C-alpha atoms as a PDB file:
ATOM      1  CA  MET A   1     -53.349 -20.566 -10.395  1.00  0.00           C
ATOM      2  CA  THR A   2     -54.011 -24.297 -10.100  1.00  0.00           C
ATOM      3  CA  THR A   3     -57.187 -25.678  -8.633  1.00  0.00           C
ATOM      4  CA  THR A   4     -57.554 -28.963  -6.804  1.00  0.00           C
ATOM      5  CA  THR A   5     -60.583 -31.049  -7.686  1.00  0.00           C
ATOM      6  CA  ALA A   6     -62.615 -33.012  -5.181  1.00  0.00           C
ATOM      7  CA  PRO A   7     -61.302 -36.428  -6.357  1.00  0.00           C
ATOM      8  CA  ASP A   8     -57.722 -35.160  -6.001  1.00  0.00           C
ATOM      9  CA  LYS A   9     -58.429 -33.995  -2.459  1.00  0.00           C
ATOM     10  CA  ALA A  10     -60.046 -37.296  -1.590  1.00  0.00           C
ATOM     11  CA  GLY A  11     -57.060 -39.195  -3.020  1.00  0.00           C
ATOM     12  CA  SER A  12     -54.587 -37.058  -1.094  1.00  0.00           C
ATOM     13  CA  LEU A  13     -56.564 -37.526   2.106  1.00  0.00           C
ATOM     14  CA  ALA A  14     -56.649 -41.294   1.590  1.00  0.00           C
ATOM     15  CA  TRP A  15     -52.871 -41.449   1.047  1.00  0.00           C
ATOM     16  CA  ALA A  16     -52.311 -39.267   4.122  1.00  0.00           C
ATOM     17  CA  ARG A  17     -54.393 -41.641   6.212  1.00  0.00           C
ATOM     18  CA  ARG A  18     -52.468 -44.634   4.881  1.00  0.00           C
ATOM     19  CA  ARG A  19     -49.147 -43.001   5.728  1.00  0.00           C
ATOM     20  CA  ASP A  20     -50.419 -42.155   9.192  1.00  0.00           C
ATOM     21  CA  SER A  21     -51.597 -45.747   9.703  1.00  0.00           C
ATOM     22  CA  LEU A  22     -48.225 -47.123   8.607  1.00  0.00           C
ATOM     23  CA  ALA A  23     -46.448 -44.714  10.947  1.00  0.00           C
ATOM     24  CA  ARG A  24     -48.625 -45.811  13.870  1.00  0.00           C
ATOM     25  CA  PHE A  25     -48.058 -49.451  12.969  1.00  0.00           C
ATOM     26  CA  TRP A  26     -44.271 -48.965  12.925  1.00  0.00           C
ATOM     27  CA  ARG A  27     -44.307 -47.127  16.247  1.00  0.00           C
ATOM     28  CA  SER A  28     -46.198 -49.995  17.823  1.00  0.00           C
ATOM     29  CA  TYR A  29     -44.076 -52.642  16.120  1.00  0.00           C
ATOM     30  CA  ARG A  30     -40.857 -51.079  17.435  1.00  0.00           C
ATOM     31  CA  THR A  31     -41.996 -51.736  21.000  1.00  0.00           C
ATOM     32  CA  HIS A  32     -41.691 -55.491  20.356  1.00  0.00           C
ATOM     33  CA  ARG A  33     -38.013 -56.303  20.691  1.00  0.00           C
ATOM     34  CA  ALA A  34     -38.390 -59.889  19.485  1.00  0.00           C
ATOM     35  CA  GLY A  35     -40.167 -58.640  16.378  1.00  0.00           C
ATOM     36  CA  LEU A  36     -37.267 -56.275  15.644  1.00  0.00           C
ATOM     37  CA  TYR A  37     -34.795 -59.132  15.978  1.00  0.00           C
ATOM     38  CA  GLY A  38     -36.868 -61.213  13.595  1.00  0.00           C
ATOM     39  CA  LEU A  39     -37.135 -58.341  11.103  1.00  0.00           C
ATOM     40  CA  ALA A  40     -33.384 -57.732  11.227  1.00  0.00           C
ATOM     41  CA  GLY A  41     -32.711 -61.422  10.632  1.00  0.00           C
ATOM     42  CA  LEU A  42     -35.075 -61.506   7.664  1.00  0.00           C
ATOM     43  CA  ALA A  43     -33.484 -58.384   6.195  1.00  0.00           C
ATOM     44  CA  VAL A  44     -30.031 -59.966   6.342  1.00  0.00           C
ATOM     45  CA  ILE A  45     -31.214 -63.267   4.861  1.00  0.00           C
ATOM     46  CA  ALA A  46     -33.179 -61.504   2.105  1.00  0.00           C
ATOM     47  CA  LEU A  47     -30.134 -59.389   1.228  1.00  0.00           C
ATOM     48  CA  ILE A  48     -27.969 -62.511   1.023  1.00  0.00           C
ATOM     49  CA  ALA A  49     -30.544 -64.225  -1.213  1.00  0.00           C
ATOM     50  CA  LEU A  50     -30.979 -61.245  -3.536  1.00  0.00           C
ATOM     51  CA  THR A  51     -27.248 -60.726  -3.991  1.00  0.00           C
ATOM     52  CA  ALA A  52     -26.488 -64.439  -4.497  1.00  0.00           C
ATOM     53  CA  PRO A  53     -26.012 -64.089  -8.298  1.00  0.00           C
ATOM     54  CA  LEU A  54     -23.338 -61.457  -7.626  1.00  0.00           C
ATOM     55  CA  THR A  55     -21.614 -63.100  -4.655  1.00  0.00           C
ATOM     56  CA  VAL A  56     -21.543 -66.795  -5.607  1.00  0.00           C
ATOM     57  CA  GLY A  57     -22.989 -66.989  -9.131  1.00  0.00           C
ATOM     58  CA  GLU A  58     -25.117 -69.700 -10.693  1.00  0.00           C
ATOM     59  CA  ASP A  59     -22.025 -71.830 -11.412  1.00  0.00           C
ATOM     60  CA  VAL A  60     -21.943 -72.826  -7.748  1.00  0.00           C
ATOM     61  CA  GLN A  61     -24.586 -75.474  -8.597  1.00  0.00           C
ATOM     62  CA  SER A  62     -22.454 -77.089 -11.306  1.00  0.00           C
ATOM     63  CA  VAL A  63     -21.289 -80.625 -10.562  1.00  0.00           C
ATOM     64  CA  THR A  64     -18.816 -80.854 -13.439  1.00  0.00           C
ATOM     65  CA  SER A  65     -16.885 -77.714 -12.531  1.00  0.00           C
ATOM     66  CA  ALA A  66     -16.790 -78.170  -8.746  1.00  0.00           C
ATOM     67  CA  PRO A  67     -13.698 -76.439  -7.324  1.00  0.00           C
ATOM     68  CA  GLY A  68     -12.935 -78.923  -4.525  1.00  0.00           C
ATOM     69  CA  THR A  69     -12.867 -82.605  -3.732  1.00  0.00           C
ATOM     70  CA  ALA A  70     -15.650 -84.618  -2.153  1.00  0.00           C
ATOM     71  CA  LEU A  71     -16.554 -83.957   1.481  1.00  0.00           C
ATOM     72  CA  GLU A  72     -13.686 -81.645   2.404  1.00  0.00           C
ATOM     73  CA  SER A  73     -13.826 -80.348   5.959  1.00  0.00           C
ATOM     74  CA  PRO A  74     -14.117 -76.579   6.587  1.00  0.00           C
ATOM     75  CA  SER A  75     -10.994 -74.639   5.585  1.00  0.00           C
ATOM     76  CA  GLY A  76      -9.904 -71.215   4.470  1.00  0.00           C
ATOM     77  CA  GLN A  77     -10.900 -71.927   0.871  1.00  0.00           C
ATOM     78  CA  PHE A  78     -14.195 -73.583   1.828  1.00  0.00           C
ATOM     79  CA  PRO A  79     -15.443 -72.099   5.146  1.00  0.00           C
ATOM     80  CA  LEU A  80     -18.267 -74.663   5.406  1.00  0.00           C
ATOM     81  CA  GLY A  81     -16.539 -77.509   3.572  1.00  0.00           C
ATOM     82  CA  THR A  82     -17.716 -79.228   0.392  1.00  0.00           C
ATOM     83  CA  ASP A  83     -20.449 -81.672  -0.569  1.00  0.00           C
ATOM     84  CA  GLN A  84     -20.059 -85.113  -2.129  1.00  0.00           C
ATOM     85  CA  PHE A  85     -19.395 -83.489  -5.530  1.00  0.00           C
ATOM     86  CA  GLY A  86     -16.786 -81.022  -4.277  1.00  0.00           C
ATOM     87  CA  ARG A  87     -19.050 -77.971  -4.422  1.00  0.00           C
ATOM     88  CA  SER A  88     -18.701 -75.235  -1.813  1.00  0.00           C
ATOM     89  CA  LEU A  89     -21.361 -75.670   0.843  1.00  0.00           C
ATOM     90  CA  LEU A  90     -21.260 -71.963   1.666  1.00  0.00           C
ATOM     91  CA  GLY A  91     -22.088 -71.119  -1.942  1.00  0.00           C
ATOM     92  CA  LEU A  92     -24.855 -73.712  -2.027  1.00  0.00           C
ATOM     93  CA  LEU A  93     -26.250 -72.395   1.253  1.00  0.00           C
ATOM     94  CA  ILE A  94     -26.378 -68.846  -0.106  1.00  0.00           C
ATOM     95  CA  TRP A  95     -27.904 -69.921  -3.412  1.00  0.00           C
ATOM     96  CA  GLY A  96     -30.395 -72.201  -1.688  1.00  0.00           C
ATOM     97  CA  ALA A  97     -31.755 -69.251   0.287  1.00  0.00           C
ATOM     98  CA  ARG A  98     -33.333 -67.959  -2.936  1.00  0.00           C
ATOM     99  CA  ILE A  99     -35.304 -71.156  -3.503  1.00  0.00           C
ATOM    100  CA  SER A 100     -36.352 -71.710   0.107  1.00  0.00           C
ATOM    101  CA  LEU A 101     -37.548 -68.123   0.565  1.00  0.00           C
ATOM    102  CA  ALA A 102     -39.328 -68.072  -2.799  1.00  0.00           C
ATOM    103  CA  VAL A 103     -41.165 -71.318  -2.059  1.00  0.00           C
ATOM    104  CA  GLY A 104     -42.109 -70.116   1.417  1.00  0.00           C
ATOM    105  CA  LEU A 105     -43.467 -66.778   0.195  1.00  0.00           C
ATOM    106  CA  LEU A 106     -45.374 -68.140  -2.812  1.00  0.00           C
ATOM    107  CA  ALA A 107     -46.821 -71.138  -0.971  1.00  0.00           C
ATOM    108  CA  ALA A 108     -47.923 -68.986   1.969  1.00  0.00           C
ATOM    109  CA  ALA A 109     -49.472 -66.436  -0.420  1.00  0.00           C
ATOM    110  CA  LEU A 110     -51.413 -69.186  -2.211  1.00  0.00           C
ATOM    111  CA  SER A 111     -52.559 -70.707   1.073  1.00  0.00           C
ATOM    112  CA  VAL A 112     -53.715 -67.373   2.491  1.00  0.00           C
ATOM    113  CA  ALA A 113     -55.458 -66.435  -0.767  1.00  0.00           C
ATOM    114  CA  ILE A 114     -57.468 -69.675  -0.774  1.00  0.00           C
ATOM    115  CA  GLY A 115     -58.264 -69.391   2.928  1.00  0.00           C
ATOM    116  CA  THR A 116     -59.326 -65.755   2.625  1.00  0.00           C
ATOM    117  CA  LEU A 117     -61.610 -66.458  -0.340  1.00  0.00           C
ATOM    118  CA  VAL A 118     -63.250 -69.443   1.348  1.00  0.00           C
ATOM    119  CA  GLY A 119     -63.610 -67.621   4.676  1.00  0.00           C
ATOM    120  CA  ILE A 120     -65.184 -64.486   3.197  1.00  0.00           C
ATOM    121  CA  LEU A 121     -67.603 -66.469   1.026  1.00  0.00           C
ATOM    122  CA  ALA A 122     -68.645 -68.689   3.929  1.00  0.00           C
ATOM    123  CA  GLY A 123     -69.042 -65.785   6.345  1.00  0.00           C
ATOM    124  CA  HIS A 124     -70.879 -63.509   3.902  1.00  0.00           C
ATOM    125  CA  TYR A 125     -73.395 -65.847   2.286  1.00  0.00           C
ATOM    126  CA  GLY A 126     -74.012 -68.278   5.142  1.00  0.00           C
ATOM    127  CA  GLY A 127     -76.612 -70.970   4.656  1.00  0.00           C
ATOM    128  CA  TRP A 128     -75.882 -74.101   2.642  1.00  0.00           C
ATOM    129  CA  LEU A 129     -72.797 -72.563   1.004  1.00  0.00           C
ATOM    130  CA  SER A 130     -71.190 -71.844   4.368  1.00  0.00           C
ATOM    131  CA  THR A 131     -72.028 -75.346   5.578  1.00  0.00           C
ATOM    132  CA  ALA A 132     -70.510 -76.963   2.490  1.00  0.00           C
ATOM    133  CA  LEU A 133     -67.353 -74.836   2.602  1.00  0.00           C
ATOM    134  CA  MET A 134     -66.840 -75.434   6.311  1.00  0.00           C
ATOM    135  CA  ARG A 135     -67.269 -79.188   5.935  1.00  0.00           C
ATOM    136  CA  ILE A 136     -64.577 -79.170   3.251  1.00  0.00           C
ATOM    137  CA  THR A 137     -62.433 -77.058   5.560  1.00  0.00           C
ATOM    138  CA  ASP A 138     -62.971 -79.495   8.424  1.00  0.00           C
ATOM    139  CA  TRP A 139     -61.910 -82.376   6.196  1.00  0.00           C
ATOM    140  CA  PHE A 140     -58.644 -80.630   5.371  1.00  0.00           C
ATOM    141  CA  LEU A 141     -58.162 -79.778   9.054  1.00  0.00           C
ATOM    142  CA  VAL A 142     -58.409 -83.362  10.274  1.00  0.00           C
ATOM    143  CA  MET A 143     -56.153 -84.673   7.517  1.00  0.00           C
ATOM    144  CA  PRO A 144     -52.405 -84.245   8.244  1.00  0.00           C
ATOM    145  CA  THR A 145     -51.110 -81.403   6.092  1.00  0.00           C
ATOM    146  CA  LEU A 146     -47.748 -83.044   5.498  1.00  0.00           C
ATOM    147  CA  VAL A 147     -49.352 -86.311   4.391  1.00  0.00           C
ATOM    148  CA  LEU A 148     -51.570 -84.523   1.866  1.00  0.00           C
ATOM    149  CA  ALA A 149     -48.604 -82.529   0.589  1.00  0.00           C
ATOM    150  CA  ILE A 150     -46.569 -85.732   0.183  1.00  0.00           C
ATOM    151  CA  VAL A 151     -49.411 -87.355  -1.782  1.00  0.00           C
ATOM    152  CA  LEU A 152     -49.716 -84.382  -4.141  1.00  0.00           C
ATOM    153  CA  ALA A 153     -45.965 -84.090  -4.585  1.00  0.00           C
ATOM    154  CA  THR A 154     -45.789 -87.821  -5.330  1.00  0.00           C
ATOM    155  CA  VAL A 155     -48.527 -88.027  -7.968  1.00  0.00           C
ATOM    156  CA  MET A 156     -47.457 -84.818  -9.740  1.00  0.00           C
ATOM    157  CA  SER A 157     -44.194 -84.054 -11.513  1.00  0.00           C
ATOM    158  CA  HIS A 158     -41.225 -83.166  -9.330  1.00  0.00           C
ATOM    159  CA  SER A 159     -40.904 -79.429  -9.854  1.00  0.00           C
ATOM    160  CA  LEU A 160     -40.751 -76.261  -7.791  1.00  0.00           C
ATOM    161  CA  TRP A 161     -44.312 -75.300  -8.742  1.00  0.00           C
ATOM    162  CA  THR A 162     -45.565 -78.705  -7.647  1.00  0.00           C
ATOM    163  CA  VAL A 163     -44.085 -78.142  -4.187  1.00  0.00           C
ATOM    164  CA  ILE A 164     -45.645 -74.666  -3.997  1.00  0.00           C
ATOM    165  CA  LEU A 165     -49.032 -76.025  -5.094  1.00  0.00           C
ATOM    166  CA  ALA A 166     -48.850 -78.975  -2.697  1.00  0.00           C
ATOM    167  CA  ILE A 167     -48.125 -76.712   0.277  1.00  0.00           C
ATOM    168  CA  GLY A 168     -50.596 -74.004  -0.725  1.00  0.00           C
ATOM    169  CA  VAL A 169     -53.655 -76.206  -1.280  1.00  0.00           C
ATOM    170  CA  THR A 170     -53.167 -78.180   1.944  1.00  0.00           C
ATOM    171  CA  SER A 171     -52.469 -75.445   4.507  1.00  0.00           C
ATOM    172  CA  TRP A 172     -55.342 -72.964   4.043  1.00  0.00           C
ATOM    173  CA  PRO A 173     -58.057 -74.280   6.460  1.00  0.00           C
ATOM    174  CA  THR A 174     -56.840 -72.373   9.539  1.00  0.00           C
ATOM    175  CA  THR A 175     -56.902 -69.091   7.620  1.00  0.00           C
ATOM    176  CA  ALA A 176     -60.378 -69.882   6.284  1.00  0.00           C
ATOM    177  CA  ARG A 177     -61.819 -70.412   9.756  1.00  0.00           C
ATOM    178  CA  LEU A 178     -60.233 -67.250  11.151  1.00  0.00           C
ATOM    179  CA  VAL A 179     -61.388 -65.122   8.207  1.00  0.00           C
ATOM    180  CA  ARG A 180     -64.917 -66.559   8.373  1.00  0.00           C
ATOM    181  CA  ALA A 181     -65.217 -65.631  12.044  1.00  0.00           C
ATOM    182  CA  GLN A 182     -63.904 -62.119  11.351  1.00  0.00           C
ATOM    183  CA  THR A 183     -66.269 -61.741   8.372  1.00  0.00           C
ATOM    184  CA  ILE A 184     -69.291 -62.630  10.501  1.00  0.00           C
ATOM    185  CA  ALA A 185     -68.174 -60.074  13.109  1.00  0.00           C
ATOM    186  CA  VAL A 186     -67.685 -57.355  10.490  1.00  0.00           C
ATOM    187  CA  GLU A 187     -71.030 -57.973   8.787  1.00  0.00           C
ATOM    188  CA  SER A 188     -72.876 -57.524  12.070  1.00  0.00           C
ATOM    189  CA  ARG A 189     -71.854 -53.858  12.214  1.00  0.00           C
ATOM    190  CA  PRO A 190     -74.356 -51.090  11.364  1.00  0.00           C
ATOM    191  CA  TYR A 191     -72.467 -49.656   8.383  1.00  0.00           C
ATOM    192  CA  ILE A 192     -72.877 -52.967   6.535  1.00  0.00           C
ATOM    193  CA  GLU A 193     -76.644 -52.636   6.900  1.00  0.00           C
ATOM    194  CA  ARG A 194     -76.452 -49.072   5.581  1.00  0.00           C
ATOM    195  CA  ALA A 195     -74.399 -50.255   2.603  1.00  0.00           C
ATOM    196  CA  ARG A 196     -77.048 -52.863   1.789  1.00  0.00           C
ATOM    197  CA  ALA A 197     -79.830 -50.295   2.185  1.00  0.00           C
ATOM    198  CA  LEU A 198     -78.041 -48.007  -0.286  1.00  0.00           C
ATOM    199  CA  GLY A 199     -77.973 -50.764  -2.885  1.00  0.00           C
ATOM    200  CA  GLY A 200     -74.560 -52.318  -2.282  1.00  0.00           C
ATOM    201  CA  GLY A 201     -74.320 -55.773  -3.813  1.00  0.00           C
ATOM    202  CA  HIS A 202     -72.495 -58.822  -2.550  1.00  0.00           C
ATOM    203  CA  GLY A 203     -69.318 -58.031  -4.473  1.00  0.00           C
ATOM    204  CA  HIS A 204     -69.264 -54.423  -3.248  1.00  0.00           C
ATOM    205  CA  ILE A 205     -69.738 -55.384   0.401  1.00  0.00           C
ATOM    206  CA  MET A 206     -67.148 -58.164   0.318  1.00  0.00           C
ATOM    207  CA  SER A 207     -64.493 -56.169  -1.563  1.00  0.00           C
ATOM    208  CA  ARG A 208     -65.010 -52.676  -0.152  1.00  0.00           C
ATOM    209  CA  HIS A 209     -66.071 -53.371   3.431  1.00  0.00           C
ATOM    210  CA  VAL A 210     -65.259 -56.925   4.516  1.00  0.00           C
ATOM    211  CA  LEU A 211     -61.876 -57.478   2.846  1.00  0.00           C
ATOM    212  CA  PRO A 212     -60.202 -54.284   4.217  1.00  0.00           C
ATOM    213  CA  ASN A 213     -61.292 -55.277   7.726  1.00  0.00           C
ATOM    214  CA  VAL A 214     -59.918 -58.820   7.510  1.00  0.00           C
ATOM    215  CA  LEU A 215     -56.640 -57.818   5.834  1.00  0.00           C
ATOM    216  CA  PRO A 216     -54.795 -57.221   9.154  1.00  0.00           C
ATOM    217  CA  LEU A 217     -55.688 -60.757  10.211  1.00  0.00           C
ATOM    218  CA  VAL A 218     -54.609 -62.050   6.792  1.00  0.00           C
ATOM    219  CA  LEU A 219     -51.282 -60.204   7.068  1.00  0.00           C
ATOM    220  CA  ALA A 220     -50.512 -61.729  10.453  1.00  0.00           C
ATOM    221  CA  GLN A 221     -51.527 -65.177   9.220  1.00  0.00           C
ATOM    222  CA  THR A 222     -49.276 -64.800   6.168  1.00  0.00           C
ATOM    223  CA  THR A 223     -46.167 -64.026   8.199  1.00  0.00           C
ATOM    224  CA  LEU A 224     -46.845 -67.018  10.423  1.00  0.00           C
ATOM    225  CA  GLY A 225     -47.598 -69.261   7.449  1.00  0.00           C
ATOM    226  CA  ILE A 226     -44.334 -68.537   5.645  1.00  0.00           C
ATOM    227  CA  SER A 227     -42.270 -70.293   8.304  1.00  0.00           C
ATOM    228  CA  ASN A 228     -44.522 -73.352   8.116  1.00  0.00           C
ATOM    229  CA  ALA A 229     -44.249 -73.348   4.327  1.00  0.00           C
ATOM    230  CA  ILE A 230     -40.438 -73.223   4.468  1.00  0.00           C
ATOM    231  CA  LEU A 231     -40.365 -76.122   6.937  1.00  0.00           C
ATOM    232  CA  THR A 232     -42.769 -78.142   4.780  1.00  0.00           C
ATOM    233  CA  GLU A 233     -40.674 -77.479   1.656  1.00  0.00           C
ATOM    234  CA  ALA A 234     -37.558 -78.613   3.500  1.00  0.00           C
ATOM    235  CA  THR A 235     -39.365 -81.773   4.605  1.00  0.00           C
ATOM    236  CA  LEU A 236     -40.565 -82.584   1.086  1.00  0.00           C
ATOM    237  CA  ALA A 237     -37.099 -81.960  -0.336  1.00  0.00           C
ATOM    238  CA  PHE A 238     -35.544 -84.105   2.388  1.00  0.00           C
ATOM    239  CA  LEU A 239     -37.914 -86.931   1.419  1.00  0.00           C
ATOM    240  CA  GLY A 240     -36.792 -86.623  -2.197  1.00  0.00           C
ATOM    241  CA  LEU A 241     -40.053 -85.030  -3.406  1.00  0.00           C
ATOM    242  CA  GLY A 242     -38.605 -81.644  -4.308  1.00  0.00           C
ATOM    243  CA  ASP A 243     -37.221 -80.374  -7.600  1.00  0.00           C
ATOM    244  CA  PRO A 244     -33.901 -82.187  -8.172  1.00  0.00           C
ATOM    245  CA  THR A 245     -32.718 -79.511 -10.608  1.00  0.00           C
ATOM    246  CA  VAL A 246     -32.564 -76.705  -8.022  1.00  0.00           C
ATOM    247  CA  VAL A 247     -30.627 -76.233  -4.797  1.00  0.00           C
ATOM    248  CA  SER A 248     -32.626 -75.665  -1.625  1.00  0.00           C
ATOM    249  CA  TRP A 249     -31.843 -76.092   2.041  1.00  0.00           C
ATOM    250  CA  GLY A 250     -34.070 -79.146   2.281  1.00  0.00           C
ATOM    251  CA  GLY A 251     -32.421 -80.577  -0.818  1.00  0.00           C
ATOM    252  CA  MET A 252     -29.008 -80.077   0.787  1.00  0.00           C
ATOM    253  CA  LEU A 253     -30.137 -82.137   3.774  1.00  0.00           C
ATOM    254  CA  GLN A 254     -31.369 -84.843   1.403  1.00  0.00           C
ATOM    255  CA  ASP A 255     -27.990 -84.855  -0.390  1.00  0.00           C
ATOM    256  CA  ALA A 256     -26.218 -85.088   2.967  1.00  0.00           C
ATOM    257  CA  ARG A 257     -28.323 -88.085   3.949  1.00  0.00           C
ATOM    258  CA  GLU A 258     -27.633 -89.822   0.646  1.00  0.00           C
ATOM    259  CA  ALA A 259     -23.905 -89.121   1.009  1.00  0.00           C
ATOM    260  CA  GLY A 260     -23.881 -90.788   4.424  1.00  0.00           C
ATOM    261  CA  ALA A 261     -22.998 -87.613   6.318  1.00  0.00           C
ATOM    262  CA  VAL A 262     -24.938 -88.793   9.357  1.00  0.00           C
ATOM    263  CA  SER A 263     -23.068 -92.058   9.817  1.00  0.00           C
ATOM    264  CA  SER A 264     -19.670 -90.740   8.732  1.00  0.00           C
ATOM    265  CA  GLY A 265     -19.745 -87.724  11.060  1.00  0.00           C
ATOM    266  CA  HIS A 266     -19.559 -85.000   8.384  1.00  0.00           C
ATOM    267  CA  TRP A 267     -21.348 -82.474  10.570  1.00  0.00           C
ATOM    268  CA  TRP A 268     -20.462 -79.519   8.326  1.00  0.00           C
ATOM    269  CA  TYR A 269     -22.721 -81.001   5.652  1.00  0.00           C
ATOM    270  CA  LEU A 270     -25.748 -81.286   7.938  1.00  0.00           C
ATOM    271  CA  ALA A 271     -25.508 -78.351  10.328  1.00  0.00           C
ATOM    272  CA  PRO A 272     -25.515 -75.255   8.017  1.00  0.00           C
ATOM    273  CA  PRO A 273     -28.785 -75.929   6.110  1.00  0.00           C
ATOM    274  CA  GLY A 274     -30.497 -77.127   9.286  1.00  0.00           C
ATOM    275  CA  ILE A 275     -29.472 -74.000  11.196  1.00  0.00           C
ATOM    276  CA  ALA A 276     -30.483 -71.779   8.254  1.00  0.00           C
ATOM    277  CA  ILE A 277     -33.966 -73.329   8.133  1.00  0.00           C
ATOM    278  CA  ALA A 278     -34.364 -72.891  11.893  1.00  0.00           C
ATOM    279  CA  LEU A 279     -33.230 -69.247  11.811  1.00  0.00           C
ATOM    280  CA  VAL A 280     -35.568 -68.286   8.951  1.00  0.00           C
ATOM    281  CA  ALA A 281     -38.528 -70.054  10.556  1.00  0.00           C
ATOM    282  CA  LEU A 282     -37.768 -68.362  13.879  1.00  0.00           C
ATOM    283  CA  SER A 283     -37.420 -64.927  12.251  1.00  0.00           C
ATOM    284  CA  PHE A 284     -40.755 -65.200  10.448  1.00  0.00           C
ATOM    285  CA  THR A 285     -42.427 -66.475  13.615  1.00  0.00           C
ATOM    286  CA  LEU A 286     -41.096 -63.560  15.676  1.00  0.00           C
ATOM    287  CA  CYS A 287     -42.262 -61.090  13.037  1.00  0.00           C
ATOM    288  CA  GLY A 288     -45.649 -62.776  12.805  1.00  0.00           C
ATOM    289  CA  ARG A 289     -46.198 -62.701  16.557  1.00  0.00           C
ATOM    290  CA  ALA A 290     -45.239 -59.031  16.687  1.00  0.00           C
ATOM    291  CA  VAL A 291     -47.567 -58.140  13.803  1.00  0.00           C
ATOM    292  CA  GLU A 292     -50.368 -60.120  15.418  1.00  0.00           C
ATOM    293  CA  ALA A 293     -49.866 -58.312  18.729  1.00  0.00           C
ATOM    294  CA  VAL A 294     -49.828 -54.891  17.038  1.00  0.00           C
ATOM    295  CA  LEU A 295     -52.969 -55.544  14.998  1.00  0.00           C
ATOM    296  CA  ASN A 296     -54.756 -57.178  17.926  1.00  0.00           C
ATOM    297  CA  PRO A 297     -53.670 -55.362  21.136  1.00  0.00           C
ATOM    298  CA  LYS A 298     -56.017 -57.541  23.220  1.00  0.00           C
ATOM    299  CA  LEU A 299     -53.423 -60.305  22.984  1.00  0.00           C
ATOM    300  CA  GLY A 300     -51.151 -58.318  25.262  1.00  0.00           C
ATOM    301  CA  ALA A 301     -48.033 -59.979  23.801  1.00  0.00           C
ATOM    302  CA  ARG A 302     -44.696 -58.265  24.393  1.00  0.00           C
END
C-alpha cells in the first residue's frame, strides 16, 4: 500500500488549481470572438514559420541559385512573383515569418522583463529608489521609441541581436509604470503585512507574493508588445538597419524599395510582406485585447 506524503498532496493540489485556473481562463477567452480569430491567425502563421525548413528550405534565400528571372509577375510557378534576384517571393515570405516572429517574441520578452523588474523594484522599495527609477522611465517615455531604436541600431553592428536589443531596451517604460502601480496596490493588502510580520524578506515578498499577482498584467502587456516589436523591426529593416544576412518581412520591403518596385508598379513585391506584417500585428493585438479583458473583467471589452 502506497502512502502520499504532505508535500505530494500539496503539489497535487497546486497543479489541480493551476489546471482549474487555465480551464476558467479558456472558457472566458472563448467568449471573445475577435480573440479567437486572432489566435487562429497566429496558429496558422506559427505553423507556416515552423514548417518553413520543410516546405521551402533554406536555399530559398540563395541569390546565386535563384530559380527565376528578376521581377517576374505572379504565375503558376511563382504565385507571388520573384524579387530582383529571381527568388520566389512566396518562399521568401514564408521564410521571413521565422525571423519576424522570432524578433517580435524575443524583443517583447526583453522589454517586458526590464519593465517588470523596474516596476516591482520601484513599487516595493519606494523612496529615493522609486523616484530615480521613475525619472529614468519618464525620460524613456518622452523620447520617441523609434528614434532611440534607430540610434542604437546605427551605432551597433547590424545583426539580429542588435535589433532585438534596440527594441527591447527602448520599449519597456509603459510596462514599468503599469507594474509599479499594480505592485503598490498588491503591497497594500493585509497578507503582505502578515508576510513581513512572519519574517519575509524583500526577495521573498517580491518573488512569492508580488510577482504572481502582476503576472496577468505582464502577460497581457507581452501579447500587446509583440505586435509593436514586429512593426518596429520591420521599420528598422526598411530603413536598412536590420541584419542584411537574413530575410525578414521588413527587409523584403527594403529590397523592394531599392529595386524601384514603387515607381515601376511591381505591386506583387510590395503587397505580400506589407499584408503579412499587418495581419500578424492585428492577430497579436486581438489576442492581447482578449487576454486583457479576461484578466481584467472591469474593462468590459467584448
